[in-house]
Amino acid sequence: MDCIEVCTGAGGEALGLEQAGFRHKALVELDKNACNTLRVNRPLWNVLECDIAEFNANEFMNIDLIAGGLPCPPFSVAGKQLGPNDERNLFPEMIRLVKECHPKAIMIENVRGLLDKVFDDYRGFINKQIETLGYKLEWRLLNASDYGVPQLRPRVLLVALKEEYFRYFNWPEPVTHSKTVGDVLYKEMASRGWKEVNIWREKANTIAPTVVGGSKKHGGPDLGPSRARKAWAKLGVDGYGIAEESPGPDFEGMPRLTVKMAALIQGFPEEWIITGKRTPAYRQVGNAFPPQVSKAVGTSIAEAIEAYESSLTRRQSYGEA
């Protein structure tokens, strides 16, 4: 199946959709560092480095899926929650693209603050806009840890399908218990011969708090506000910054995560390269959508499309008979 994706970032959602069987016809991303990350990891992807407002979807008429992780600051509890009054709100642009290409399905990811009561009316407005175009939709809060990601990371998903497809859609069930932070980061933490790595691994024996710190208005790369840093400290991780490299043989104290370690916590595979200097690279990671969650939801969408089209083929066959 084919898809187009906007606000692609470092490629977490795109990678998950690829694993779910979707082929990207276009990926739209404004940030040059993120575009470089996409091109380095997937040279054959059609990466368009432009503002979503400059992207026209008419040439992708009736594509299977349009997806995107729209900017979170308008709805995040960490911000002012200006919602539709925030210039970074891109739901109107996404609806425009849906009107242009009439996809079979829509998948939009955002922060859980979007489900707050303050946005009830705006969600209702979005629902009406999409339903008027012939879709049925549902919002759902999913935790990344339910899909094998070693952090909680709650995210809101809006999934919409044309009415004939929607009856076949089911949200993915949780599939596995997540690995611990110690399990996921052990290889990287041990890569430079740190003598205390096994002791650290025993302490880091649960999932991580949500990786944050992806805002461009944020001063430098760290693991979030005081509450988040305290949670990281319980895992034996210093959350006050991002390290250039793994701890050396005689390192003492709590190590900091590197960008690669943060990417592993987000669910990126070990071979995925995040390009750019440390701060913009970490921002890409902090804003990413875990591939495992994207794959799970993308698979459910693909199955719904396949189920309807298979039933249509059967009905046509019976009619001809």
Protein backbone atom coordinates (compact mmCIF):
# COMPACT_ATOMS: atom_id res chain seq x y z
CA MET A 1 0.00 0.00 0.00
CA ASP A 2 1.09 3.57 -0.63
CA CYS A 3 1.17 6.50 1.77
CA ILE A 4 2.30 10.07 2.12
CA GLU A 5 3.51 11.50 5.41
CA VAL A 6 3.90 15.05 6.71
CA CYS A 7 5.91 16.39 9.66
CA THR A 8 8.02 13.27 9.36
CA GLY A 9 10.81 14.29 11.74
CA ALA A 10 13.52 11.69 12.32
CA GLY A 11 11.39 8.94 10.77
CA GLY A 12 9.92 7.01 13.68
CA GLU A 13 6.41 7.00 12.28
CA ALA A 14 7.68 6.43 8.74
CA LEU A 15 9.80 3.47 9.80
CA GLY A 16 6.85 1.90 11.60
CA LEU A 17 4.57 2.36 8.59
CA GLU A 18 7.24 0.85 6.36
CA GLN A 19 7.33 -2.17 8.65
CA ALA A 20 3.54 -2.35 8.44
CA GLY A 21 3.81 -2.69 4.66
CA PHE A 22 3.32 0.88 3.45
CA ARG A 23 5.44 2.38 0.69
CA HIS A 24 6.11 6.10 1.02
CA LYS A 25 5.41 8.15 -2.08
CA ALA A 26 6.43 11.38 -0.34
CA LEU A 27 7.67 12.49 3.08
CA VAL A 28 7.32 16.19 3.94
CA GLU A 29 9.58 17.72 6.58
CA LEU A 30 10.75 21.29 7.14
CA ASP A 31 13.75 20.71 9.42
CA LYS A 32 16.94 20.23 7.40
CA ASN A 33 18.60 18.03 10.02
CA ALA A 34 15.62 15.68 10.11
CA CYS A 35 15.53 15.57 6.31
CA ASN A 36 19.18 14.59 6.32
CA THR A 37 18.45 11.84 8.84
CA LEU A 38 15.73 10.46 6.55
CA ARG A 39 17.97 10.56 3.47
CA VAL A 40 20.91 8.92 5.23
CA ASN A 41 18.81 6.03 6.50
CA ARG A 42 16.53 5.62 3.47
CA PRO A 43 18.22 7.03 0.33
CA LEU A 44 15.32 5.91 -1.86
CA TRP A 45 12.63 7.76 0.09
CA ASN A 46 11.17 10.82 -1.64
CA VAL A 47 11.96 13.39 1.06
CA LEU A 48 10.55 16.87 0.39
CA GLU A 49 12.23 19.56 2.48
CA CYS A 50 9.48 22.16 2.66
CA ASP A 51 6.74 23.67 4.78
CA ILE A 52 3.53 21.63 4.84
CA ALA A 53 1.72 24.74 3.52
CA GLU A 54 3.79 24.46 0.32
CA PHE A 55 2.88 20.82 -0.23
CA ASN A 56 0.11 19.97 -2.69
CA ALA A 57 -1.38 16.48 -2.42
CA ASN A 58 -3.48 16.52 -5.58
CA GLU A 59 -1.08 14.21 -7.43
CA PHE A 60 -1.63 11.54 -4.77
CA MET A 61 -5.37 11.20 -5.36
CA ASN A 62 -6.97 8.17 -3.63
CA ILE A 63 -3.73 7.11 -1.94
CA ASP A 64 -4.13 4.45 0.74
CA LEU A 65 -2.96 6.51 3.73
CA ILE A 66 -1.95 10.01 4.75
CA ALA A 67 -0.14 10.21 8.09
CA GLY A 68 1.65 12.75 10.22
CA GLY A 69 2.85 13.63 13.69
CA LEU A 70 1.57 17.21 13.81
CA PRO A 71 3.37 19.73 16.06
CA CYS A 72 2.60 19.14 19.73
CA PRO A 73 3.21 22.56 21.40
CA PRO A 74 -0.31 23.92 20.69
CA PHE A 75 -1.80 21.12 22.84
CA SER A 76 0.97 20.22 25.29
CA VAL A 77 0.44 20.77 29.01
CA ALA A 78 4.08 21.92 29.07
CA GLY A 79 3.04 24.94 26.98
CA LYS A 80 0.22 27.49 27.01
CA GLN A 81 -2.24 25.11 25.28
CA LEU A 82 -3.34 27.75 22.78
CA GLY A 83 -4.69 25.02 20.50
CA PRO A 84 -6.29 26.44 17.34
CA ASN A 85 -4.96 29.91 18.23
CA ASP A 86 -1.36 28.72 18.06
CA GLU A 87 0.36 29.44 14.75
CA ARG A 88 1.99 26.00 14.97
CA ASN A 89 -1.38 24.22 14.84
CA LEU A 90 -1.35 22.27 11.56
CA PHE A 91 -4.69 20.46 11.74
CA PRO A 92 -6.18 22.87 9.15
CA GLU A 93 -3.33 22.04 6.75
CA MET A 94 -3.82 18.32 7.31
CA ILE A 95 -7.53 18.62 6.54
CA ARG A 96 -6.66 20.55 3.39
CA LEU A 97 -4.40 17.72 2.27
CA VAL A 98 -7.15 15.18 2.94
CA LYS A 99 -9.48 17.21 0.71
CA GLU A 100 -6.85 17.22 -2.02
CA CYS A 101 -5.94 13.53 -2.10
CA HIS A 102 -9.01 11.72 -0.66
CA PRO A 103 -7.01 8.95 1.03
CA LYS A 104 -8.61 5.72 2.16
CA ALA A 105 -7.24 6.29 5.66
CA ILE A 106 -5.81 9.03 7.90
CA MET A 107 -3.48 8.65 10.88
CA ILE A 108 -2.52 11.64 13.04
CA GLU A 109 -0.35 11.51 16.17
CA ASN A 110 -0.12 14.11 18.94
CA VAL A 111 0.31 14.59 22.69
CA ARG A 112 -2.26 13.42 25.20
CA GLY A 113 -3.03 17.03 26.13
CA LEU A 114 -5.18 17.11 23.00
CA LEU A 115 -7.73 15.00 24.88
CA ASP A 116 -8.04 17.57 27.68
CA LYS A 117 -11.49 19.04 28.25
CA VAL A 118 -10.28 22.45 27.11
CA PHE A 119 -10.04 21.04 23.57
CA ASP A 120 -13.42 19.26 23.51
CA ASP A 121 -14.88 21.84 21.13
CA TYR A 122 -11.86 21.84 18.86
CA ARG A 123 -11.84 18.06 18.61
CA GLY A 124 -15.51 18.28 17.75
CA PHE A 125 -14.66 20.77 15.01
CA ILE A 126 -11.96 18.45 13.63
CA ASN A 127 -14.39 15.52 13.75
CA LYS A 128 -17.01 17.41 11.79
CA GLN A 129 -14.49 18.54 9.18
CA ILE A 130 -13.28 14.98 8.58
CA GLU A 131 -16.69 13.31 8.79
CA THR A 132 -18.07 15.75 6.23
CA LEU A 133 -15.46 14.38 3.81
CA GLY A 134 -16.92 10.87 4.13
CA TYR A 135 -14.85 9.38 6.95
CA LYS A 136 -15.54 7.78 10.29
CA LEU A 137 -12.94 8.37 12.97
CA GLU A 138 -11.90 7.64 16.50
CA TRP A 139 -9.40 9.11 18.97
CA ARG A 140 -7.40 6.80 21.22
CA LEU A 141 -4.70 7.25 23.86
CA LEU A 142 -1.96 4.63 23.48
CA ASN A 143 1.04 3.99 25.71
CA ALA A 144 4.23 3.12 23.85
CA SER A 145 5.23 0.70 26.61
CA ASP A 146 2.29 -1.53 25.58
CA TYR A 147 3.98 -2.13 22.22
CA GLY A 148 7.49 -3.03 23.28
CA VAL A 149 8.97 0.46 23.73
CA PRO A 150 11.02 0.87 26.94
CA GLN A 151 9.22 4.04 28.06
CA LEU A 152 5.65 5.01 28.90
CA ARG A 153 5.21 7.75 26.26
CA PRO A 154 1.42 8.18 26.05
CA ARG A 155 0.32 9.51 22.67
CA VAL A 156 -3.02 10.39 21.14
CA LEU A 157 -3.87 8.82 17.80
CA LEU A 158 -6.64 9.94 15.49
CA VAL A 159 -7.49 7.23 12.95
CA ALA A 160 -10.06 7.88 10.24
CA LEU A 161 -11.09 5.67 7.34
CA LYS A 162 -13.66 6.06 4.62
CA GLU A 163 -16.93 4.73 5.99
CA GLU A 164 -16.85 1.48 4.02
CA TYR A 165 -13.40 0.66 5.44
CA PHE A 166 -13.92 1.79 9.03
CA ARG A 167 -16.17 -1.12 10.01
CA TYR A 168 -13.15 -3.42 9.57
CA PHE A 169 -10.79 -1.34 11.72
CA ASN A 170 -9.72 -2.52 15.17
CA TRP A 171 -7.21 -0.82 17.41
CA PRO A 172 -4.11 -2.96 17.98
CA GLU A 173 -3.96 -4.95 21.17
CA PRO A 174 -0.89 -4.62 23.43
CA VAL A 175 1.58 -7.17 22.16
CA THR A 176 4.44 -7.57 24.61
CA HIS A 177 6.04 -6.53 27.84
CA SER A 178 8.67 -3.87 27.29
CA LYS A 179 12.35 -4.45 27.86
CA THR A 180 13.90 -2.47 30.69
CA VAL A 181 16.13 0.55 30.23
CA GLY A 182 19.04 -1.56 31.42
CA ASP A 183 18.38 -4.24 28.83
CA VAL A 184 18.02 -1.79 25.95
CA LEU A 185 21.02 0.39 26.81
CA TYR A 186 23.41 -2.23 28.18
CA LYS A 187 25.40 -2.64 24.97
CA GLU A 188 25.90 1.11 24.53
CA MET A 189 26.67 1.69 28.21
CA ALA A 190 29.27 -1.09 28.08
CA SER A 191 30.78 -0.09 24.72
CA ARG A 192 33.78 1.75 26.19
CA GLY A 193 34.51 -0.74 28.95
CA TRP A 194 32.63 0.82 31.88
CA LYS A 195 33.45 -1.41 34.88
CA GLU A 196 30.23 -0.63 36.78
CA VAL A 197 27.88 -1.34 33.88
CA ASN A 198 26.44 -4.54 35.35
CA ILE A 199 25.62 -2.81 38.63
CA TRP A 200 23.98 0.00 36.67
CA ARG A 201 21.96 -2.47 34.61
CA GLU A 202 20.48 -4.00 37.75
CA LYS A 203 19.34 -0.56 38.90
CA ALA A 204 17.83 0.39 35.52
CA ASN A 205 15.36 -2.47 35.78
CA THR A 206 12.15 -0.83 34.57
CA ILE A 207 10.87 1.33 31.70
CA ALA A 208 11.86 4.97 31.31
CA PRO A 209 9.76 8.08 31.79
CA THR A 210 8.72 9.80 28.59
CA VAL A 211 11.68 11.21 26.64
CA VAL A 212 11.16 14.97 26.38
CA GLY A 213 13.19 18.06 25.55
CA GLY A 214 12.42 18.31 21.85
CA SER A 215 11.34 21.95 21.75
CA LYS A 216 13.40 24.48 19.80
CA LYS A 217 12.63 27.00 22.55
CA HIS A 218 14.28 24.69 25.07
CA GLY A 219 17.77 25.89 26.01
CA GLY A 220 19.86 22.76 25.62
CA PRO A 221 19.45 19.01 25.45
CA ASP A 222 18.40 17.37 28.72
CA LEU A 223 15.78 14.87 29.85
CA GLY A 224 13.16 17.34 30.96
CA PRO A 225 11.95 19.17 34.08
CA SER A 226 12.78 18.28 37.68
CA ARG A 227 10.17 15.53 38.02
CA ALA A 228 11.44 13.76 34.91
CA ARG A 229 15.07 14.07 36.00
CA LYS A 230 14.20 12.55 39.38
CA ALA A 231 12.57 9.60 37.60
CA TRP A 232 15.67 9.14 35.47
CA ALA A 233 17.87 9.31 38.57
CA LYS A 234 16.02 6.31 40.03
CA LEU A 235 17.22 4.43 36.95
CA GLY A 236 20.78 5.57 37.50
CA VAL A 237 20.74 8.17 34.71
CA ASP A 238 21.80 11.81 35.03
CA GLY A 239 19.05 13.75 33.28
CA TYR A 240 20.75 17.15 33.34
CA GLY A 241 22.26 16.83 29.88
CA ILE A 242 23.14 14.60 26.94
CA ALA A 243 26.61 13.05 26.72
CA GLU A 244 28.89 12.96 23.70
CA GLU A 245 29.92 9.35 24.38
CA SER A 246 29.29 6.34 26.59
CA PRO A 247 31.01 6.17 30.03
CA GLY A 248 34.65 5.11 30.04
CA PRO A 249 36.25 2.28 32.09
CA ASP A 250 36.71 4.24 35.31
CA PHE A 251 33.58 6.42 35.12
CA GLU A 252 31.96 7.08 38.49
CA GLY A 253 28.50 8.39 39.28
CA MET A 254 25.42 8.42 37.09
CA PRO A 255 25.98 8.36 33.32
CA ARG A 256 24.10 10.59 30.92
CA LEU A 257 22.38 9.29 27.82
CA THR A 258 23.92 9.88 24.42
CA VAL A 259 21.71 10.78 21.45
CA LYS A 260 21.93 7.19 20.28
CA MET A 261 20.82 5.91 23.68
CA ALA A 262 17.84 8.28 23.67
CA ALA A 263 16.96 7.00 20.20
CA LEU A 264 17.04 3.42 21.47
CA ILE A 265 14.67 4.40 24.29
CA GLN A 266 12.36 5.86 21.62
CA GLY A 267 12.32 2.50 19.88
CA PHE A 268 14.60 3.27 16.95
CA PRO A 269 16.68 0.30 15.78
CA GLU A 270 20.38 0.28 16.61
CA GLU A 271 21.38 0.95 13.00
CA TRP A 272 19.22 4.09 12.65
CA ILE A 273 21.49 7.14 12.39
CA ILE A 274 20.36 10.50 13.83
CA THR A 275 22.32 13.21 12.01
CA GLY A 276 23.29 16.71 13.07
CA LYS A 277 25.01 18.24 16.09
CA ARG A 278 24.03 17.08 19.55
CA THR A 279 21.23 19.57 20.31
CA PRO A 280 19.34 19.36 16.97
CA ALA A 281 19.93 15.61 16.91
CA TYR A 282 18.42 15.19 20.36
CA ARG A 283 15.46 17.38 19.39
CA GLN A 284 14.75 14.99 16.53
CA VAL A 285 14.72 12.12 19.01
CA GLY A 286 12.65 14.01 21.59
CA ASN A 287 9.95 14.72 19.00
CA ALA A 288 9.86 11.23 17.51
CA PHE A 289 6.95 8.79 17.39
CA PRO A 290 8.07 5.27 18.39
CA PRO A 291 8.21 2.98 15.32
CA GLN A 292 6.64 0.08 17.19
CA VAL A 293 3.44 2.03 17.90
CA SER A 294 3.31 3.32 14.34
CA LYS A 295 3.74 -0.21 13.04
CA ALA A 296 0.95 -1.55 15.26
CA VAL A 297 -1.58 1.10 14.24
CA GLY A 298 -0.44 1.05 10.62
CA THR A 299 -0.92 -2.72 10.50
CA SER A 300 -4.47 -2.36 11.82
CA ILE A 301 -5.22 0.24 9.14
CA ALA A 302 -3.74 -1.95 6.41
CA GLU A 303 -5.76 -4.93 7.61
CA ALA A 304 -8.98 -2.89 7.52
CA ILE A 305 -8.32 -1.77 3.95
CA GLU A 306 -7.44 -5.29 2.87
CA ALA A 307 -10.52 -6.76 4.60
CA TYR A 308 -12.92 -4.39 2.85
CA GLU A 309 -11.31 -4.80 -0.56
CA SER A 310 -11.28 -8.59 -0.19
CA SER A 311 -14.96 -8.58 0.72
CA LEU A 312 -15.68 -6.33 -2.26
CA THR A 313 -13.86 -8.71 -4.59
CA ARG A 314 -15.86 -11.63 -3.21
CA ARG A 315 -19.15 -9.80 -3.66
CA GLN A 316 -18.26 -8.87 -7.22
CA SER A 317 -17.31 -12.47 -7.92
CA TYR A 318 -20.60 -13.76 -6.56
CA GLY A 319 -22.47 -11.15 -8.58
CA GLU A 320 -20.78 -12.23 -11.78
CA ALA A 321 -21.51 -15.86 -10.93
